[in-house]
Amino acid sequence: MEEDTTLCRSNFDLETINKLSRGIQEFQSEEFLNLRHLISEALSKQDQMVTNLTQTNKCNEFEENNDLSAMFAKTKSCDIKLKCLKRKMIELSNRSKSLKKRALYIHQTKQQETLNRIQEEDARVSREERMIAKPKIDK
């Protein structure tokens, strides 16, 4: 193999090799520039995709940490408890009103009974006083 490389060197002089190298370089330079441009575009698009994926991952992490369906379920549960408490409070309020009415009725009834008893006692006393004979007073 070494003989082949020495053969190539002996057939071409250094100046010819340089000219051929420059020619190939000039010929391929546009392609290399285009490739460089395409690679830089690909890298910028890759950076954009990485940024988008990072944002998407952050959103996914947020959704995982703050599961909306769980929040809705908890909210619904709390709403049901609140409605139940409201209903119980209304029931207690109604019971309280009816108990107050009943207590007022009982109080009024007792007052009426007491008044009737006092009136009966007064009537009995006045009857007894009328029945008792009074001595005649001379003037």
N, C-alpha and C. Protein backbone atom coordinates (compact mmCIF):
# COMPACT_ATOMS: atom_id res chain seq x y z
N MET A 1 0.79 -1.18 0.00
CA MET A 1 0.00 0.00 0.00
C MET A 1 0.84 1.25 0.00
N GLU A 2 1.92 1.21 0.62
CA GLU A 2 2.81 2.37 0.63
C GLU A 2 3.30 2.67 -0.77
N GLU A 3 3.43 1.69 -1.57
CA GLU A 3 3.89 1.91 -2.93
C GLU A 3 2.87 2.71 -3.72
N ASP A 4 1.55 2.49 -3.46
CA ASP A 4 0.50 3.22 -4.17
C ASP A 4 0.54 4.69 -3.81
N THR A 5 0.75 5.02 -2.55
CA THR A 5 0.78 6.42 -2.14
C THR A 5 2.01 7.12 -2.68
N THR A 6 3.11 6.44 -2.76
CA THR A 6 4.31 7.06 -3.33
C THR A 6 4.14 7.25 -4.81
N LEU A 7 3.42 6.36 -5.45
CA LEU A 7 3.17 6.48 -6.87
C LEU A 7 2.34 7.73 -7.15
N CYS A 8 1.30 7.94 -6.29
CA CYS A 8 0.43 9.11 -6.48
C CYS A 8 1.21 10.37 -6.26
N ARG A 9 2.08 10.40 -5.34
CA ARG A 9 2.85 11.60 -5.03
C ARG A 9 3.84 11.90 -6.14
N SER A 10 4.38 10.90 -6.69
CA SER A 10 5.40 11.13 -7.71
C SER A 10 4.77 11.63 -9.00
N ASN A 11 3.52 11.24 -9.29
CA ASN A 11 2.88 11.65 -10.53
C ASN A 11 2.42 13.09 -10.49
N PHE A 12 2.05 13.61 -9.28
CA PHE A 12 1.53 14.97 -9.15
C PHE A 12 2.48 15.80 -8.32
N ASP A 13 2.68 16.99 -8.73
CA ASP A 13 3.52 17.85 -7.91
C ASP A 13 2.63 18.58 -6.90
N LEU A 14 3.23 19.24 -5.99
CA LEU A 14 2.53 19.88 -4.88
C LEU A 14 1.61 21.00 -5.36
N GLU A 15 2.01 21.74 -6.32
CA GLU A 15 1.20 22.85 -6.84
C GLU A 15 -0.08 22.33 -7.46
N THR A 16 0.00 21.26 -8.19
CA THR A 16 -1.17 20.67 -8.82
C THR A 16 -2.14 20.16 -7.77
N ILE A 17 -1.58 19.55 -6.75
CA ILE A 17 -2.43 19.04 -5.66
C ILE A 17 -3.15 20.20 -4.99
N ASN A 18 -2.46 21.30 -4.75
CA ASN A 18 -3.07 22.48 -4.12
C ASN A 18 -4.17 23.06 -5.00
N LYS A 19 -3.93 23.14 -6.31
CA LYS A 19 -4.93 23.67 -7.23
C LYS A 19 -6.17 22.77 -7.24
N LEU A 20 -5.94 21.47 -7.28
CA LEU A 20 -7.07 20.55 -7.27
C LEU A 20 -7.85 20.65 -5.94
N SER A 21 -7.13 20.80 -4.86
CA SER A 21 -7.78 20.93 -3.54
C SER A 21 -8.63 22.18 -3.49
N ARG A 22 -8.08 23.31 -3.97
CA ARG A 22 -8.85 24.56 -3.99
C ARG A 22 -10.07 24.44 -4.88
N GLY A 23 -9.89 23.79 -6.03
CA GLY A 23 -11.02 23.62 -6.95
C GLY A 23 -12.14 22.81 -6.30
N ILE A 24 -11.76 21.72 -5.69
CA ILE A 24 -12.76 20.89 -5.00
C ILE A 24 -13.39 21.67 -3.86
N GLN A 25 -12.56 22.44 -3.16
CA GLN A 25 -13.08 23.24 -2.04
C GLN A 25 -14.07 24.28 -2.55
N GLU A 26 -13.74 24.99 -3.61
CA GLU A 26 -14.63 26.00 -4.17
C GLU A 26 -15.91 25.34 -4.69
N PHE A 27 -15.73 24.19 -5.33
CA PHE A 27 -16.88 23.48 -5.88
C PHE A 27 -17.83 23.02 -4.77
N GLN A 28 -17.24 22.54 -3.70
CA GLN A 28 -18.05 22.01 -2.59
C GLN A 28 -18.41 23.07 -1.56
N SER A 29 -17.82 24.25 -1.61
CA SER A 29 -18.04 25.25 -0.56
C SER A 29 -19.50 25.69 -0.49
N GLU A 30 -20.16 25.85 -1.65
CA GLU A 30 -21.57 26.24 -1.62
C GLU A 30 -22.40 25.16 -0.92
N GLU A 31 -22.12 23.92 -1.23
CA GLU A 31 -22.85 22.83 -0.57
C GLU A 31 -22.58 22.83 0.93
N PHE A 32 -21.31 23.06 1.28
CA PHE A 32 -20.98 23.10 2.71
C PHE A 32 -21.67 24.28 3.40
N LEU A 33 -21.73 25.42 2.73
CA LEU A 33 -22.42 26.59 3.30
C LEU A 33 -23.91 26.29 3.44
N ASN A 34 -24.49 25.67 2.41
CA ASN A 34 -25.91 25.30 2.50
C ASN A 34 -26.14 24.31 3.63
N LEU A 35 -25.24 23.33 3.73
CA LEU A 35 -25.36 22.36 4.82
C LEU A 35 -25.22 23.04 6.18
N ARG A 36 -24.28 23.97 6.28
CA ARG A 36 -24.09 24.69 7.54
C ARG A 36 -25.37 25.46 7.89
N HIS A 37 -25.97 26.12 6.87
CA HIS A 37 -27.20 26.87 7.08
C HIS A 37 -28.34 25.92 7.50
N LEU A 38 -28.46 24.79 6.81
CA LEU A 38 -29.49 23.82 7.15
C LEU A 38 -29.29 23.27 8.57
N ILE A 39 -28.04 23.02 8.92
CA ILE A 39 -27.76 22.50 10.26
C ILE A 39 -28.10 23.55 11.32
N SER A 40 -27.76 24.82 11.05
CA SER A 40 -28.09 25.87 12.03
C SER A 40 -29.61 26.03 12.17
N GLU A 41 -30.34 25.92 11.04
CA GLU A 41 -31.81 25.97 11.12
C GLU A 41 -32.34 24.79 11.92
N ALA A 42 -31.78 23.61 11.66
CA ALA A 42 -32.22 22.42 12.39
C ALA A 42 -31.95 22.57 13.89
N LEU A 43 -30.79 23.15 14.23
CA LEU A 43 -30.46 23.35 15.64
C LEU A 43 -31.41 24.36 16.30
N SER A 44 -31.75 25.43 15.58
CA SER A 44 -32.66 26.42 16.16
C SER A 44 -34.05 25.81 16.34
N LYS A 45 -34.49 25.01 15.35
CA LYS A 45 -35.79 24.34 15.49
C LYS A 45 -35.77 23.35 16.65
N GLN A 46 -34.62 22.68 16.80
CA GLN A 46 -34.49 21.75 17.91
C GLN A 46 -34.58 22.49 19.24
N ASP A 47 -33.94 23.66 19.33
CA ASP A 47 -34.03 24.47 20.54
C ASP A 47 -35.47 24.88 20.83
N GLN A 48 -36.20 25.27 19.77
CA GLN A 48 -37.60 25.65 19.95
C GLN A 48 -38.42 24.45 20.44
N MET A 49 -38.14 23.29 19.86
CA MET A 49 -38.88 22.10 20.28
C MET A 49 -38.57 21.75 21.73
N VAL A 50 -37.31 21.90 22.13
CA VAL A 50 -36.93 21.62 23.52
C VAL A 50 -37.66 22.58 24.45
N THR A 51 -37.72 23.86 24.04
CA THR A 51 -38.42 24.86 24.85
C THR A 51 -39.90 24.50 24.96
N ASN A 52 -40.51 24.14 23.83
CA ASN A 52 -41.93 23.76 23.84
C ASN A 52 -42.18 22.53 24.71
N LEU A 53 -41.30 21.54 24.58
CA LEU A 53 -41.43 20.33 25.40
C LEU A 53 -41.28 20.65 26.88
N THR A 54 -40.37 21.54 27.20
CA THR A 54 -40.18 21.93 28.59
C THR A 54 -41.44 22.58 29.13
N GLN A 55 -42.03 23.48 28.32
CA GLN A 55 -43.28 24.13 28.75
C GLN A 55 -44.40 23.10 28.88
N THR A 56 -44.47 22.18 27.94
CA THR A 56 -45.50 21.14 28.00
C THR A 56 -45.31 20.28 29.24
N ASN A 57 -44.06 19.94 29.54
CA ASN A 57 -43.79 19.14 30.74
C ASN A 57 -44.19 19.90 31.99
N LYS A 58 -43.93 21.22 32.01
CA LYS A 58 -44.34 22.02 33.17
C LYS A 58 -45.85 22.01 33.31
N CYS A 59 -46.56 22.13 32.18
CA CYS A 59 -48.03 22.09 32.22
C CYS A 59 -48.51 20.73 32.71
N ASN A 60 -47.88 19.67 32.22
CA ASN A 60 -48.27 18.32 32.65
C ASN A 60 -48.02 18.13 34.14
N GLU A 61 -46.88 18.65 34.63
CA GLU A 61 -46.58 18.55 36.06
C GLU A 61 -47.63 19.32 36.85
N PHE A 62 -48.00 20.51 36.35
CA PHE A 62 -49.03 21.30 37.04
C PHE A 62 -50.35 20.53 37.09
N GLU A 63 -50.72 19.92 35.95
CA GLU A 63 -51.97 19.17 35.91
C GLU A 63 -51.91 17.96 36.83
N GLU A 64 -50.74 17.32 36.90
CA GLU A 64 -50.61 16.18 37.79
C GLU A 64 -50.72 16.62 39.24
N ASN A 65 -50.06 17.74 39.56
CA ASN A 65 -50.10 18.22 40.94
C ASN A 65 -51.46 18.79 41.30
N ASN A 66 -52.10 19.42 40.37
CA ASN A 66 -53.40 20.05 40.62
C ASN A 66 -54.44 19.39 39.73
N ASP A 67 -54.77 18.18 40.07
CA ASP A 67 -55.72 17.42 39.27
C ASP A 67 -57.09 18.08 39.37
N LEU A 68 -57.55 18.61 38.25
CA LEU A 68 -58.81 19.36 38.25
C LEU A 68 -60.01 18.49 38.59
N SER A 69 -59.99 17.27 38.13
CA SER A 69 -61.13 16.40 38.43
C SER A 69 -61.24 16.14 39.93
N ALA A 70 -60.10 15.99 40.58
CA ALA A 70 -60.11 15.80 42.04
C ALA A 70 -60.63 17.07 42.73
N MET A 71 -60.22 18.22 42.20
CA MET A 71 -60.69 19.48 42.77
C MET A 71 -62.20 19.62 42.60
N PHE A 72 -62.70 19.26 41.41
CA PHE A 72 -64.14 19.33 41.18
C PHE A 72 -64.89 18.37 42.10
N ALA A 73 -64.35 17.19 42.28
CA ALA A 73 -64.99 16.21 43.16
C ALA A 73 -65.04 16.73 44.59
N LYS A 74 -63.93 17.31 45.04
CA LYS A 74 -63.89 17.86 46.40
C LYS A 74 -64.87 19.03 46.53
N THR A 75 -64.93 19.87 45.50
CA THR A 75 -65.86 21.00 45.52
C THR A 75 -67.29 20.51 45.59
N LYS A 76 -67.60 19.48 44.81
CA LYS A 76 -68.96 18.93 44.81
C LYS A 76 -69.28 18.34 46.18
N SER A 77 -68.32 17.65 46.77
CA SER A 77 -68.51 17.08 48.10
C SER A 77 -68.79 18.18 49.13
N CYS A 78 -68.00 19.24 49.06
CA CYS A 78 -68.20 20.36 49.99
C CYS A 78 -69.55 21.03 49.75
N ASP A 79 -69.96 21.14 48.49
CA ASP A 79 -71.25 21.74 48.16
C ASP A 79 -72.38 20.91 48.74
N ILE A 80 -72.27 19.59 48.63
CA ILE A 80 -73.30 18.69 49.18
C ILE A 80 -73.38 18.85 50.71
N LYS A 81 -72.21 18.91 51.36
CA LYS A 81 -72.19 19.09 52.81
C LYS A 81 -72.82 20.42 53.20
N LEU A 82 -72.51 21.47 52.43
CA LEU A 82 -73.06 22.79 52.71
C LEU A 82 -74.59 22.78 52.58
N LYS A 83 -75.09 22.14 51.52
CA LYS A 83 -76.54 22.07 51.34
C LYS A 83 -77.20 21.30 52.48
N CYS A 84 -76.54 20.23 52.92
CA CYS A 84 -77.07 19.43 54.03
C CYS A 84 -77.11 20.28 55.31
N LEU A 85 -76.04 21.03 55.57
CA LEU A 85 -76.02 21.89 56.75
C LEU A 85 -77.10 22.97 56.67
N LYS A 86 -77.28 23.53 55.48
CA LYS A 86 -78.32 24.55 55.30
C LYS A 86 -79.70 23.98 55.62
N ARG A 87 -79.96 22.78 55.09
CA ARG A 87 -81.24 22.12 55.32
C ARG A 87 -81.45 21.87 56.82
N LYS A 88 -80.41 21.40 57.50
CA LYS A 88 -80.52 21.16 58.95
C LYS A 88 -80.75 22.46 59.71
N MET A 89 -80.08 23.53 59.27
CA MET A 89 -80.28 24.81 59.93
C MET A 89 -81.71 25.31 59.75
N ILE A 90 -82.27 25.12 58.56
CA ILE A 90 -83.66 25.52 58.31
C ILE A 90 -84.60 24.69 59.17
N GLU A 91 -84.34 23.38 59.27
CA GLU A 91 -85.17 22.51 60.12
C GLU A 91 -85.10 22.97 61.58
N LEU A 92 -83.88 23.27 62.04
CA LEU A 92 -83.73 23.72 63.43
C LEU A 92 -84.44 25.06 63.65
N SER A 93 -84.37 25.93 62.67
CA SER A 93 -85.04 27.23 62.78
C SER A 93 -86.56 27.03 62.86
N ASN A 94 -87.08 26.15 62.02
CA ASN A 94 -88.53 25.87 62.04
C ASN A 94 -88.95 25.25 63.38
N ARG A 95 -88.15 24.32 63.86
CA ARG A 95 -88.46 23.68 65.15
C ARG A 95 -88.41 24.72 66.27
N SER A 96 -87.42 25.60 66.20
CA SER A 96 -87.30 26.65 67.22
C SER A 96 -88.51 27.56 67.20
N LYS A 97 -88.97 27.94 66.00
CA LYS A 97 -90.15 28.80 65.88
C LYS A 97 -91.38 28.10 66.47
N SER A 98 -91.56 26.83 66.13
CA SER A 98 -92.74 26.10 66.64
C SER A 98 -92.66 25.94 68.16
N LEU A 99 -91.45 25.70 68.69
CA LEU A 99 -91.31 25.59 70.15
C LEU A 99 -91.60 26.93 70.83
N LYS A 100 -91.18 28.02 70.21
CA LYS A 100 -91.47 29.34 70.79
C LYS A 100 -92.98 29.59 70.78
N LYS A 101 -93.64 29.24 69.68
CA LYS A 101 -95.10 29.41 69.61
C LYS A 101 -95.78 28.59 70.70
N ARG A 102 -95.32 27.35 70.84
CA ARG A 102 -95.92 26.48 71.85
C ARG A 102 -95.68 27.01 73.25
N ALA A 103 -94.45 27.50 73.51
CA ALA A 103 -94.14 28.05 74.83
C ALA A 103 -95.01 29.29 75.10
N LEU A 104 -95.20 30.14 74.09
CA LEU A 104 -96.05 31.31 74.24
C LEU A 104 -97.50 30.90 74.52
N TYR A 105 -97.97 29.90 73.79
CA TYR A 105 -99.34 29.41 74.00
C TYR A 105 -99.50 28.87 75.42
N ILE A 106 -98.52 28.07 75.86
CA ILE A 106 -98.59 27.50 77.22
C ILE A 106 -98.56 28.62 78.25
N HIS A 107 -97.67 29.61 78.04
CA HIS A 107 -97.57 30.73 78.97
C HIS A 107 -98.90 31.50 79.04
N GLN A 108 -99.47 31.77 77.86
CA GLN A 108 -100.74 32.49 77.83
C GLN A 108 -101.85 31.68 78.50
N THR A 109 -101.85 30.40 78.27
CA THR A 109 -102.86 29.52 78.88
C THR A 109 -102.73 29.54 80.39
N LYS A 110 -101.49 29.44 80.89
CA LYS A 110 -101.28 29.47 82.34
C LYS A 110 -101.69 30.81 82.93
N GLN A 111 -101.38 31.90 82.23
CA GLN A 111 -101.79 33.21 82.71
C GLN A 111 -103.32 33.30 82.77
N GLN A 112 -103.97 32.78 81.72
CA GLN A 112 -105.44 32.81 81.69
C GLN A 112 -106.01 31.97 82.83
N GLU A 113 -105.42 30.79 83.06
CA GLU A 113 -105.87 29.94 84.17
C GLU A 113 -105.68 30.65 85.50
N THR A 114 -104.52 31.29 85.66
CA THR A 114 -104.25 32.01 86.91
C THR A 114 -105.25 33.16 87.08
N LEU A 115 -105.51 33.89 86.02
CA LEU A 115 -106.47 34.98 86.07
C LEU A 115 -107.86 34.45 86.42
N ASN A 116 -108.26 33.34 85.78
CA ASN A 116 -109.56 32.74 86.07
C ASN A 116 -109.64 32.30 87.53
N ARG A 117 -108.56 31.70 88.05
CA ARG A 117 -108.54 31.25 89.43
C ARG A 117 -108.67 32.44 90.38
N ILE A 118 -107.95 33.53 90.08
CA ILE A 118 -108.02 34.72 90.93
C ILE A 118 -109.44 35.31 90.89
N GLN A 119 -110.03 35.36 89.69
CA GLN A 119 -111.39 35.90 89.56
C GLN A 119 -112.39 35.02 90.31
N GLU A 120 -112.22 33.71 90.22
CA GLU A 120 -113.10 32.80 90.94
C GLU A 120 -112.96 32.98 92.44
N GLU A 121 -111.71 33.16 92.89
CA GLU A 121 -111.45 33.37 94.32
C GLU A 121 -112.11 34.67 94.79
N ASP A 122 -111.96 35.73 93.96
CA ASP A 122 -112.57 37.01 94.32
C ASP A 122 -114.10 36.88 94.37
N ALA A 123 -114.66 36.17 93.40
CA ALA A 123 -116.11 35.98 93.37
C ALA A 123 -116.56 35.19 94.59
N ARG A 124 -115.82 34.16 94.97
CA ARG A 124 -116.16 33.35 96.13
C ARG A 124 -116.09 34.19 97.40
N VAL A 125 -115.04 34.98 97.50
CA VAL A 125 -114.89 35.82 98.69
C VAL A 125 -116.04 36.84 98.76
N SER A 126 -116.37 37.45 97.65
CA SER A 126 -117.45 38.45 97.67
C SER A 126 -118.79 37.77 97.97
N ARG A 127 -118.99 36.57 97.50
CA ARG A 127 -120.20 35.82 97.80
C ARG A 127 -120.30 35.52 99.30
N GLU A 128 -119.17 35.08 99.84
CA GLU A 128 -119.14 34.78 101.26
C GLU A 128 -119.41 36.03 102.09
N GLU A 129 -118.86 37.14 101.64
CA GLU A 129 -119.08 38.40 102.37
C GLU A 129 -120.55 38.80 102.30
N ARG A 130 -121.19 38.57 101.22
CA ARG A 130 -122.61 38.90 101.09
C ARG A 130 -123.46 37.98 101.96
N MET A 131 -123.04 36.76 102.11
CA MET A 131 -123.81 35.80 102.88
C MET A 131 -123.67 36.05 104.39
N ILE A 132 -122.57 36.58 104.76
CA ILE A 132 -122.37 36.80 106.20
C ILE A 132 -123.29 37.95 106.62
N ALA A 133 -123.98 37.72 107.76
CA ALA A 133 -124.90 38.73 108.26
C ALA A 133 -124.10 39.85 108.88
N LYS A 134 -124.54 41.06 108.58
CA LYS A 134 -123.84 42.20 109.11
C LYS A 134 -124.70 42.79 110.25
N PRO A 135 -124.07 43.18 111.30
CA PRO A 135 -124.84 43.81 112.36
C PRO A 135 -125.36 45.18 111.92
N LYS A 136 -126.53 45.50 112.46
CA LYS A 136 -127.16 46.75 112.11
C LYS A 136 -126.55 47.86 112.96
N ILE A 137 -126.19 48.89 112.31
CA ILE A 137 -125.57 50.00 113.01
C ILE A 137 -126.63 51.10 113.19
N ASP A 138 -126.84 51.58 114.52
CA ASP A 138 -127.82 52.63 114.83
C ASP A 138 -127.16 53.98 114.73
N LYS A 139 -127.94 54.87 114.27
CA LYS A 139 -127.43 56.21 114.19
C LYS A 139 -128.15 57.12 115.07
